[in-house]
Amino acid sequence: MNDRRGRDLSQWTERVQADDLPALRGFVTGLGQDFDAVVAGLSLPYSSGAVEGHNNKIKMLKRQMFGRANFDLLRKRVLLVA
């Protein structure tokens, strides 16, 4: 993934289809449903990692606060962490 070689994905999928590995074939079939997006994700330098990190942090706070207090306290904790 660090080399950004999404262009090589089609060759890899062809090799997987030729092999006798049913689990990987199923995976490749799923990739093929939105192949252009997968290639773009492996090729482009953009990442949503920072957004996913914030999302994960908010979900963790939400799990910690479940059943303890109302929405106002949850909102304050989220704003303090961000």
C-alpha atoms as a PDB file:
ATOM      1  CA  MET A   1       0.000   0.000   0.000  1.00  0.00           C
ATOM      2  CA  ASN A   2       2.881   2.383   0.579  1.00  0.00           C
ATOM      3  CA  ASP A   3       4.029   2.071  -3.027  1.00  0.00           C
ATOM      4  CA  ARG A   4       0.653   3.229  -4.432  1.00  0.00           C
ATOM      5  CA  ARG A   5       0.541   0.435  -7.016  1.00  0.00           C
ATOM      6  CA  GLY A   6      -3.191   0.239  -7.626  1.00  0.00           C
ATOM      7  CA  ARG A   7      -2.481  -0.225 -11.328  1.00  0.00           C
ATOM      8  CA  ASP A   8      -1.150  -3.733 -10.555  1.00  0.00           C
ATOM      9  CA  LEU A   9      -4.418  -4.845  -8.973  1.00  0.00           C
ATOM     10  CA  SER A  10      -5.939  -6.187 -12.195  1.00  0.00           C
ATOM     11  CA  GLN A  11      -2.960  -8.506 -12.730  1.00  0.00           C
ATOM     12  CA  TRP A  12      -3.246  -9.760  -9.161  1.00  0.00           C
ATOM     13  CA  THR A  13      -6.979 -10.409  -9.504  1.00  0.00           C
ATOM     14  CA  GLU A  14      -6.368 -12.409 -12.696  1.00  0.00           C
ATOM     15  CA  ARG A  15      -3.790 -14.569 -10.909  1.00  0.00           C
ATOM     16  CA  VAL A  16      -6.182 -15.158  -8.009  1.00  0.00           C
ATOM     17  CA  GLN A  17      -8.963 -16.215 -10.395  1.00  0.00           C
ATOM     18  CA  ALA A  18      -6.564 -18.700 -11.996  1.00  0.00           C
ATOM     19  CA  ASP A  19      -5.615 -20.276  -8.633  1.00  0.00           C
ATOM     20  CA  ASP A  20      -7.679 -22.713  -6.607  1.00  0.00           C
ATOM     21  CA  LEU A  21      -8.292 -20.530  -3.551  1.00  0.00           C
ATOM     22  CA  PRO A  22     -12.049 -20.121  -2.977  1.00  0.00           C
ATOM     23  CA  ALA A  23     -11.699 -17.589  -0.153  1.00  0.00           C
ATOM     24  CA  LEU A  24      -9.551 -15.251  -2.242  1.00  0.00           C
ATOM     25  CA  ARG A  25     -11.829 -15.703  -5.237  1.00  0.00           C
ATOM     26  CA  GLY A  26     -14.742 -14.485  -3.148  1.00  0.00           C
ATOM     27  CA  PHE A  27     -12.693 -11.512  -1.999  1.00  0.00           C
ATOM     28  CA  VAL A  28     -11.741 -10.648  -5.583  1.00  0.00           C
ATOM     29  CA  THR A  29     -15.372 -10.940  -6.660  1.00  0.00           C
ATOM     30  CA  GLY A  30     -16.269  -8.389  -4.000  1.00  0.00           C
ATOM     31  CA  LEU A  31     -13.481  -6.082  -5.168  1.00  0.00           C
ATOM     32  CA  GLY A  32     -14.741  -6.329  -8.722  1.00  0.00           C
ATOM     33  CA  GLN A  33     -18.101  -4.848  -7.771  1.00  0.00           C
ATOM     34  CA  ASP A  34     -16.457  -1.443  -7.327  1.00  0.00           C
ATOM     35  CA  PHE A  35     -13.083  -1.995  -8.951  1.00  0.00           C
ATOM     36  CA  ASP A  36     -12.474   1.606 -10.040  1.00  0.00           C
ATOM     37  CA  ALA A  37     -12.903   2.896  -6.473  1.00  0.00           C
ATOM     38  CA  VAL A  38     -10.541   0.231  -5.108  1.00  0.00           C
ATOM     39  CA  VAL A  39      -7.864   1.112  -7.680  1.00  0.00           C
ATOM     40  CA  ALA A  40      -8.281   4.812  -6.866  1.00  0.00           C
ATOM     41  CA  GLY A  41      -7.972   4.076  -3.146  1.00  0.00           C
ATOM     42  CA  LEU A  42      -4.735   2.185  -3.724  1.00  0.00           C
ATOM     43  CA  SER A  43      -3.319   4.742  -6.169  1.00  0.00           C
ATOM     44  CA  LEU A  44      -4.189   8.231  -4.941  1.00  0.00           C
ATOM     45  CA  PRO A  45      -2.246   9.959  -2.159  1.00  0.00           C
ATOM     46  CA  TYR A  46      -5.418  10.998  -0.285  1.00  0.00           C
ATOM     47  CA  SER A  47      -6.365   9.367   3.009  1.00  0.00           C
ATOM     48  CA  SER A  48      -9.318   9.627   5.361  1.00  0.00           C
ATOM     49  CA  GLY A  49      -7.241   8.314   8.252  1.00  0.00           C
ATOM     50  CA  ALA A  50      -7.500  11.474  10.351  1.00  0.00           C
ATOM     51  CA  VAL A  51     -11.280  11.591   9.992  1.00  0.00           C
ATOM     52  CA  GLU A  52     -11.556   7.906  10.865  1.00  0.00           C
ATOM     53  CA  GLY A  53      -9.410   8.490  13.955  1.00  0.00           C
ATOM     54  CA  HIS A  54     -11.723  11.243  15.210  1.00  0.00           C
ATOM     55  CA  ASN A  55     -14.763   9.121  14.434  1.00  0.00           C
ATOM     56  CA  ASN A  56     -13.296   6.206  16.384  1.00  0.00           C
ATOM     57  CA  LYS A  57     -12.544   8.471  19.353  1.00  0.00           C
ATOM     58  CA  ILE A  58     -16.117   9.799  19.435  1.00  0.00           C
ATOM     59  CA  LYS A  59     -17.547   6.280  19.239  1.00  0.00           C
ATOM     60  CA  MET A  60     -15.323   5.209  22.137  1.00  0.00           C
ATOM     61  CA  LEU A  61     -16.593   8.123  24.248  1.00  0.00           C
ATOM     62  CA  LYS A  62     -20.159   7.253  23.327  1.00  0.00           C
ATOM     63  CA  ARG A  63     -19.639   3.648  24.477  1.00  0.00           C
ATOM     64  CA  GLN A  64     -18.078   4.837  27.742  1.00  0.00           C
ATOM     65  CA  MET A  65     -20.970   7.199  28.420  1.00  0.00           C
ATOM     66  CA  PHE A  66     -23.768   4.747  27.587  1.00  0.00           C
ATOM     67  CA  GLY A  67     -26.366   4.791  30.358  1.00  0.00           C
ATOM     68  CA  ARG A  68     -24.427   7.222  32.549  1.00  0.00           C
ATOM     69  CA  ALA A  69     -25.660  10.677  31.659  1.00  0.00           C
ATOM     70  CA  ASN A  70     -27.650  12.667  29.147  1.00  0.00           C
ATOM     71  CA  PHE A  71     -26.674  14.010  25.747  1.00  0.00           C
ATOM     72  CA  ASP A  72     -25.432  17.352  27.138  1.00  0.00           C
ATOM     73  CA  LEU A  73     -22.600  15.690  29.085  1.00  0.00           C
ATOM     74  CA  LEU A  74     -21.675  13.518  26.114  1.00  0.00           C
ATOM     75  CA  ARG A  75     -21.537  16.639  23.943  1.00  0.00           C
ATOM     76  CA  LYS A  76     -19.234  18.392  26.422  1.00  0.00           C
ATOM     77  CA  ARG A  77     -16.854  15.415  26.554  1.00  0.00           C
ATOM     78  CA  VAL A  78     -16.738  15.184  22.760  1.00  0.00           C
ATOM     79  CA  LEU A  79     -15.954  18.892  22.458  1.00  0.00           C
ATOM     80  CA  LEU A  80     -13.246  18.666  25.126  1.00  0.00           C
ATOM     81  CA  VAL A  81     -11.512  15.789  23.345  1.00  0.00           C
ATOM     82  CA  ALA A  82     -11.645  17.369  19.898  1.00  0.00           C
END
